[in-house]
PDB file of all heavy atoms in Angstrom:
ATOM      1  N   GLU A   1     141.933 184.907 140.096  1.00  0.00           N
ATOM      2  CA  GLU A   1     142.224 184.549 138.709  1.00  0.00           C
ATOM      3  C   GLU A   1     141.381 183.333 138.367  1.00  0.00           C
ATOM      4  O   GLU A   1     141.343 182.355 139.101  1.00  0.00           O
ATOM      5  CB  GLU A   1     143.716 184.233 138.536  1.00  0.00           C
ATOM      6  CG  GLU A   1     144.082 183.849 137.106  1.00  0.00           C
ATOM      7  CD  GLU A   1     145.554 183.526 136.950  1.00  0.00           C
ATOM      8  OE1 GLU A   1     146.373 184.450 137.048  1.00  0.00           O
ATOM      9  OE2 GLU A   1     145.889 182.323 136.755  1.00  0.00           O
ATOM     10  N   CYS A   2     140.668 183.404 137.244  1.00  0.00           N
ATOM     11  CA  CYS A   2     139.810 182.297 136.834  1.00  0.00           C
ATOM     12  C   CYS A   2     140.659 181.059 136.552  1.00  0.00           C
ATOM     13  O   CYS A   2     141.632 181.113 135.794  1.00  0.00           O
ATOM     14  CB  CYS A   2     139.024 182.689 135.585  1.00  0.00           C
ATOM     15  SG  CYS A   2     137.952 181.379 134.954  1.00  0.00           S
ATOM     16  N   GLU A   3     140.284 179.948 137.173  1.00  0.00           N
ATOM     17  CA  GLU A   3     141.054 178.711 137.009  1.00  0.00           C
ATOM     18  C   GLU A   3     140.846 178.072 135.643  1.00  0.00           C
ATOM     19  O   GLU A   3     141.565 177.149 135.254  1.00  0.00           O
ATOM     20  CB  GLU A   3     140.689 177.705 138.108  1.00  0.00           C
ATOM     21  CG  GLU A   3     139.295 177.091 138.018  1.00  0.00           C
ATOM     22  CD  GLU A   3     138.210 177.962 138.646  1.00  0.00           C
ATOM     23  OE1 GLU A   3     138.512 179.104 139.054  1.00  0.00           O
ATOM     24  OE2 GLU A   3     137.061 177.503 138.727  1.00  0.00           O
ATOM     25  N   LYS A   4     139.848 178.583 134.876  1.00  0.00           N
ATOM     26  CA  LYS A   4     139.561 177.986 133.569  1.00  0.00           C
ATOM     27  C   LYS A   4     140.191 178.754 132.402  1.00  0.00           C
ATOM     28  O   LYS A   4     140.604 178.142 131.420  1.00  0.00           O
ATOM     29  CB  LYS A   4     138.051 177.887 133.365  1.00  0.00           C
ATOM     30  CG  LYS A   4     137.381 176.893 134.311  1.00  0.00           C
ATOM     31  CD  LYS A   4     135.924 176.698 133.969  1.00  0.00           C
ATOM     32  CE  LYS A   4     135.289 175.645 134.868  1.00  0.00           C
ATOM     33  NZ  LYS A   4     133.864 175.414 134.546  1.00  0.00           N
ATOM     34  N   CYS A   5     140.237 180.100 132.521  1.00  0.00           N
ATOM     35  CA  CYS A   5     140.764 180.879 131.393  1.00  0.00           C
ATOM     36  C   CYS A   5     141.807 181.904 131.809  1.00  0.00           C
ATOM     37  O   CYS A   5     142.312 182.647 130.955  1.00  0.00           O
ATOM     38  CB  CYS A   5     139.628 181.571 130.644  1.00  0.00           C
ATOM     39  SG  CYS A   5     138.850 182.902 131.580  1.00  0.00           S
ATOM     40  N   ALA A   6     142.133 181.992 133.110  1.00  0.00           N
ATOM     41  CA  ALA A   6     143.179 182.873 133.649  1.00  0.00           C
ATOM     42  C   ALA A   6     142.807 184.356 133.622  1.00  0.00           C
ATOM     43  O   ALA A   6     143.637 185.200 133.957  1.00  0.00           O
ATOM     44  CB  ALA A   6     144.502 182.657 132.914  1.00  0.00           C
ATOM     45  N   ASN A   7     141.559 184.715 133.255  1.00  0.00           N
ATOM     46  CA  ASN A   7     141.136 186.105 133.323  1.00  0.00           C
ATOM     47  C   ASN A   7     140.742 186.460 134.758  1.00  0.00           C
ATOM     48  O   ASN A   7     140.580 185.584 135.609  1.00  0.00           O
ATOM     49  CB  ASN A   7     139.939 186.349 132.389  1.00  0.00           C
ATOM     50  CG  ASN A   7     140.368 186.535 130.945  1.00  0.00           C
ATOM     51  OD1 ASN A   7     140.829 187.597 130.559  1.00  0.00           O
ATOM     52  ND2 ASN A   7     140.224 185.484 130.147  1.00  0.00           N
ATOM     53  N   GLU A   8     140.556 187.740 135.018  1.00  0.00           N
ATOM     54  CA  GLU A   8     140.184 188.189 136.364  1.00  0.00           C
ATOM     55  C   GLU A   8     138.731 187.852 136.672  1.00  0.00           C
ATOM     56  O   GLU A   8     137.870 187.896 135.798  1.00  0.00           O
ATOM     57  CB  GLU A   8     140.399 189.707 136.455  1.00  0.00           C
ATOM     58  CG  GLU A   8     140.049 190.295 137.809  1.00  0.00           C
ATOM     59  CD  GLU A   8     140.220 191.801 137.842  1.00  0.00           C
ATOM     60  OE1 GLU A   8     141.221 192.288 137.251  1.00  0.00           O
ATOM     61  OE2 GLU A   8     139.373 192.488 138.425  1.00  0.00           O
ATOM     62  N   MET A   9     138.467 187.509 137.930  1.00  0.00           N
ATOM     63  CA  MET A   9     137.099 187.270 138.395  1.00  0.00           C
ATOM     64  C   MET A   9     136.695 188.417 139.319  1.00  0.00           C
ATOM     65  O   MET A   9     137.469 188.815 140.194  1.00  0.00           O
ATOM     66  CB  MET A   9     136.995 185.935 139.136  1.00  0.00           C
ATOM     67  CG  MET A   9     137.348 184.736 138.281  1.00  0.00           C
ATOM     68  SD  MET A   9     137.022 183.157 139.109  1.00  0.00           S
ATOM     69  CE  MET A   9     135.236 183.034 138.907  1.00  0.00           C
ATOM     70  N   GLN A  10     135.484 188.953 139.111  1.00  0.00           N
ATOM     71  CA  GLN A  10     135.003 190.074 139.911  1.00  0.00           C
ATOM     72  C   GLN A  10     133.912 189.618 140.862  1.00  0.00           C
ATOM     73  O   GLN A  10     133.122 188.725 140.553  1.00  0.00           O
ATOM     74  CB  GLN A  10     134.453 191.179 139.004  1.00  0.00           C
ATOM     75  CG  GLN A  10     135.507 191.837 138.139  1.00  0.00           C
ATOM     76  CD  GLN A  10     134.916 192.907 137.243  1.00  0.00           C
ATOM     77  OE1 GLN A  10     133.692 193.044 137.138  1.00  0.00           O
ATOM     78  NE2 GLN A  10     135.773 193.671 136.583  1.00  0.00           N
ATOM     79  N   LEU A  11     133.863 190.255 142.037  1.00  0.00           N
ATOM     80  CA  LEU A  11     132.849 189.931 143.034  1.00  0.00           C
ATOM     81  C   LEU A  11     131.549 190.640 142.683  1.00  0.00           C
ATOM     82  O   LEU A  11     131.538 191.848 142.435  1.00  0.00           O
ATOM     83  CB  LEU A  11     133.321 190.368 144.424  1.00  0.00           C
ATOM     84  CG  LEU A  11     132.454 189.930 145.606  1.00  0.00           C
ATOM     85  CD1 LEU A  11     132.411 188.413 145.706  1.00  0.00           C
ATOM     86  CD2 LEU A  11     132.984 190.521 146.902  1.00  0.00           C
ATOM     87  N   ARG A  12     130.464 189.889 142.648  1.00  0.00           N
ATOM     88  CA  ARG A  12     129.148 190.436 142.327  1.00  0.00           C
ATOM     89  C   ARG A  12     128.116 189.919 143.324  1.00  0.00           C
ATOM     90  O   ARG A  12     128.404 189.047 144.134  1.00  0.00           O
ATOM     91  CB  ARG A  12     128.737 190.070 140.900  1.00  0.00           C
ATOM     92  CG  ARG A  12     129.721 190.565 139.844  1.00  0.00           C
ATOM     93  CD  ARG A  12     129.211 190.318 138.449  1.00  0.00           C
ATOM     94  NE  ARG A  12     130.155 190.774 137.438  1.00  0.00           N
ATOM     95  CZ  ARG A  12     129.929 190.721 136.138  1.00  0.00           C
ATOM     96  NH1 ARG A  12     128.791 190.220 135.687  1.00  0.00           N
ATOM     97  NH2 ARG A  12     130.834 191.157 135.285  1.00  0.00           N
ATOM     98  N   THR A  13     126.904 190.457 143.230  1.00  0.00           N
ATOM     99  CA  THR A  13     125.809 190.027 144.096  1.00  0.00           C
ATOM    100  C   THR A  13     124.642 189.560 143.242  1.00  0.00           C
ATOM    101  O   THR A  13     124.241 190.241 142.304  1.00  0.00           O
ATOM    102  CB  THR A  13     125.343 191.166 145.019  1.00  0.00           C
ATOM    103  OG1 THR A  13     126.409 191.521 145.899  1.00  0.00           O
ATOM    104  CG2 THR A  13     124.151 190.726 145.864  1.00  0.00           C
ATOM    105  N   GLY A  14     124.106 188.388 143.559  1.00  0.00           N
ATOM    106  CA  GLY A  14     122.972 187.832 142.828  1.00  0.00           C
ATOM    107  C   GLY A  14     121.858 187.436 143.771  1.00  0.00           C
ATOM    108  O   GLY A  14     121.859 187.780 144.958  1.00  0.00           O
ATOM    109  N   ARG A  15     120.890 186.678 143.271  1.00  0.00           N
ATOM    110  CA  ARG A  15     119.733 186.260 144.081  1.00  0.00           C
ATOM    111  C   ARG A  15     120.133 185.424 145.277  1.00  0.00           C
ATOM    112  O   ARG A  15     119.466 185.409 146.302  1.00  0.00           O
ATOM    113  CB  ARG A  15     118.750 185.460 143.214  1.00  0.00           C
ATOM    114  CG  ARG A  15     118.019 186.276 142.187  1.00  0.00           C
ATOM    115  CD  ARG A  15     116.982 185.423 141.494  1.00  0.00           C
ATOM    116  NE  ARG A  15     117.583 184.286 140.830  1.00  0.00           N
ATOM    117  CZ  ARG A  15     116.902 183.224 140.379  1.00  0.00           C
ATOM    118  NH1 ARG A  15     115.604 183.168 140.568  1.00  0.00           N
ATOM    119  NH2 ARG A  15     117.519 182.251 139.759  1.00  0.00           N
ATOM    120  N   PHE A  16     121.242 184.684 145.141  1.00  0.00           N
ATOM    121  CA  PHE A  16     121.654 183.772 146.203  1.00  0.00           C
ATOM    122  C   PHE A  16     122.876 184.279 146.961  1.00  0.00           C
ATOM    123  O   PHE A  16     123.585 183.517 147.598  1.00  0.00           O
ATOM    124  CB  PHE A  16     121.948 182.386 145.610  1.00  0.00           C
ATOM    125  CG  PHE A  16     120.786 181.830 144.830  1.00  0.00           C
ATOM    126  CD1 PHE A  16     120.818 181.783 143.447  1.00  0.00           C
ATOM    127  CD2 PHE A  16     119.652 181.395 145.478  1.00  0.00           C
ATOM    128  CE1 PHE A  16     119.744 181.282 142.725  1.00  0.00           C
ATOM    129  CE2 PHE A  16     118.573 180.897 144.769  1.00  0.00           C
ATOM    130  CZ  PHE A  16     118.612 180.844 143.397  1.00  0.00           C
ATOM    131  N   GLY A  17     123.137 185.602 146.896  1.00  0.00           N
ATOM    132  CA  GLY A  17     124.246 186.168 147.646  1.00  0.00           C
ATOM    133  C   GLY A  17     125.408 186.579 146.758  1.00  0.00           C
ATOM    134  O   GLY A  17     125.292 186.677 145.535  1.00  0.00           O
ATOM    135  N   LYS A  18     126.548 186.811 147.396  1.00  0.00           N
ATOM    136  CA  LYS A  18     127.727 187.300 146.686  1.00  0.00           C
ATOM    137  C   LYS A  18     128.480 186.144 146.028  1.00  0.00           C
ATOM    138  O   LYS A  18     128.568 185.060 146.587  1.00  0.00           O
ATOM    139  CB  LYS A  18     128.633 188.048 147.659  1.00  0.00           C
ATOM    140  CG  LYS A  18     127.968 189.292 148.249  1.00  0.00           C
ATOM    141  CD  LYS A  18     128.837 189.955 149.295  1.00  0.00           C
ATOM    142  CE  LYS A  18     128.128 191.159 149.899  1.00  0.00           C
ATOM    143  NZ  LYS A  18     128.914 191.812 150.959  1.00  0.00           N
ATOM    144  N   PHE A  19     129.028 186.412 144.857  1.00  0.00           N
ATOM    145  CA  PHE A  19     129.760 185.389 144.126  1.00  0.00           C
ATOM    146  C   PHE A  19     130.773 186.054 143.198  1.00  0.00           C
ATOM    147  O   PHE A  19     130.687 187.250 142.901  1.00  0.00           O
ATOM    148  CB  PHE A  19     128.816 184.496 143.308  1.00  0.00           C
ATOM    149  CG  PHE A  19     128.132 185.219 142.171  1.00  0.00           C
ATOM    150  CD1 PHE A  19     128.600 185.084 140.870  1.00  0.00           C
ATOM    151  CD2 PHE A  19     127.023 186.018 142.393  1.00  0.00           C
ATOM    152  CE1 PHE A  19     127.983 185.746 139.812  1.00  0.00           C
ATOM    153  CE2 PHE A  19     126.391 186.683 141.346  1.00  0.00           C
ATOM    154  CZ  PHE A  19     126.876 186.539 140.051  1.00  0.00           C
ATOM    155  N   PHE A  20     131.753 185.281 142.766  1.00  0.00           N
ATOM    156  CA  PHE A  20     132.742 185.751 141.804  1.00  0.00           C
ATOM    157  C   PHE A  20     132.325 185.296 140.416  1.00  0.00           C
ATOM    158  O   PHE A  20     131.870 184.167 140.240  1.00  0.00           O
ATOM    159  CB  PHE A  20     134.128 185.183 142.118  1.00  0.00           C
ATOM    160  CG  PHE A  20     134.745 185.742 143.366  1.00  0.00           C
ATOM    161  CD1 PHE A  20     134.575 185.104 144.581  1.00  0.00           C
ATOM    162  CD2 PHE A  20     135.499 186.902 143.322  1.00  0.00           C
ATOM    163  CE1 PHE A  20     135.147 185.608 145.733  1.00  0.00           C
ATOM    164  CE2 PHE A  20     136.078 187.410 144.463  1.00  0.00           C
ATOM    165  CZ  PHE A  20     135.901 186.766 145.676  1.00  0.00           C
ATOM    166  N   LYS A  21     132.506 186.174 139.432  1.00  0.00           N
ATOM    167  CA  LYS A  21     132.211 185.809 138.047  1.00  0.00           C
ATOM    168  C   LYS A  21     133.369 186.237 137.163  1.00  0.00           C
ATOM    169  O   LYS A  21     133.912 187.334 137.301  1.00  0.00           O
ATOM    170  CB  LYS A  21     130.923 186.465 137.552  1.00  0.00           C
ATOM    171  CG  LYS A  21     130.549 186.006 136.131  1.00  0.00           C
ATOM    172  CD  LYS A  21     129.203 186.560 135.698  1.00  0.00           C
ATOM    173  CE  LYS A  21     128.841 186.044 134.311  1.00  0.00           C
ATOM    174  NZ  LYS A  21     127.545 186.565 133.846  1.00  0.00           N
ATOM    175  N   CYS A  22     133.728 185.373 136.229  1.00  0.00           N
ATOM    176  CA  CYS A  22     134.821 185.649 135.306  1.00  0.00           C
ATOM    177  C   CYS A  22     134.450 186.815 134.385  1.00  0.00           C
ATOM    178  O   CYS A  22     133.313 186.903 133.913  1.00  0.00           O
ATOM    179  CB  CYS A  22     135.135 184.405 134.477  1.00  0.00           C
ATOM    180  SG  CYS A  22     136.512 184.630 133.318  1.00  0.00           S
ATOM    181  N   THR A  23     135.403 187.715 134.158  1.00  0.00           N
ATOM    182  CA  THR A  23     135.151 188.868 133.290  1.00  0.00           C
ATOM    183  C   THR A  23     135.132 188.488 131.807  1.00  0.00           C
ATOM    184  O   THR A  23     134.737 189.290 130.971  1.00  0.00           O
ATOM    185  CB  THR A  23     136.229 189.945 133.513  1.00  0.00           C
ATOM    186  OG1 THR A  23     137.528 189.359 133.346  1.00  0.00           O
ATOM    187  CG2 THR A  23     136.130 190.535 134.910  1.00  0.00           C
ATOM    188  N   ASN A  24     135.554 187.267 131.508  1.00  0.00           N
ATOM    189  CA  ASN A  24     135.511 186.770 130.130  1.00  0.00           C
ATOM    190  C   ASN A  24     134.123 186.188 129.856  1.00  0.00           C
ATOM    191  O   ASN A  24     133.767 185.134 130.392  1.00  0.00           O
ATOM    192  CB  ASN A  24     136.591 185.703 129.921  1.00  0.00           C
ATOM    193  CG  ASN A  24     136.587 185.134 128.511  1.00  0.00           C
ATOM    194  OD1 ASN A  24     135.878 185.622 127.632  1.00  0.00           O
ATOM    195  ND2 ASN A  24     137.382 184.098 128.294  1.00  0.00           N
ATOM    196  N   ASP A  25     133.326 186.886 129.046  1.00  0.00           N
ATOM    197  CA  ASP A  25     131.944 186.454 128.790  1.00  0.00           C
ATOM    198  C   ASP A  25     131.882 185.075 128.155  1.00  0.00           C
ATOM    199  O   ASP A  25     130.915 184.327 128.350  1.00  0.00           O
ATOM    200  CB  ASP A  25     131.232 187.468 127.889  1.00  0.00           C
ATOM    201  CG  ASP A  25     131.005 188.796 128.596  1.00  0.00           C
ATOM    202  OD1 ASP A  25     130.928 188.788 129.836  1.00  0.00           O
ATOM    203  OD2 ASP A  25     130.912 189.828 127.906  1.00  0.00           O
ATOM    204  N   GLU A  26     132.883 184.714 127.369  1.00  0.00           N
ATOM    205  CA  GLU A  26     132.883 183.395 126.722  1.00  0.00           C
ATOM    206  C   GLU A  26     133.127 182.277 127.734  1.00  0.00           C
ATOM    207  O   GLU A  26     132.795 181.129 127.469  1.00  0.00           O
ATOM    208  CB  GLU A  26     133.954 183.359 125.632  1.00  0.00           C
ATOM    209  CG  GLU A  26     133.675 184.309 124.477  1.00  0.00           C
ATOM    210  CD  GLU A  26     134.745 184.232 123.407  1.00  0.00           C
ATOM    211  OE1 GLU A  26     135.695 183.420 123.580  1.00  0.00           O
ATOM    212  OE2 GLU A  26     134.636 184.962 122.403  1.00  0.00           O
ATOM    213  N   CYS A  27     133.715 182.625 128.866  1.00  0.00           N
ATOM    214  CA  CYS A  27     133.972 181.625 129.912  1.00  0.00           C
ATOM    215  C   CYS A  27     132.775 181.504 130.846  1.00  0.00           C
ATOM    216  O   CYS A  27     132.183 180.448 130.978  1.00  0.00           O
ATOM    217  CB  CYS A  27     135.235 182.003 130.696  1.00  0.00           C
ATOM    218  SG  CYS A  27     135.580 180.929 132.123  1.00  0.00           S
ATOM    219  N   GLY A  28     132.410 182.617 131.513  1.00  0.00           N
ATOM    220  CA  GLY A  28     131.242 182.619 132.386  1.00  0.00           C
ATOM    221  C   GLY A  28     131.404 181.835 133.675  1.00  0.00           C
ATOM    222  O   GLY A  28     130.425 181.544 134.364  1.00  0.00           O
TER     223      GLY A  28
END
């Protein structure tokens, strides 16, 4: 759960490895 907006965070993969990103685009 995103600590900033309480929306769900999903696990993704980027240039620097795996990370969680908030599903709320306005939060990011």
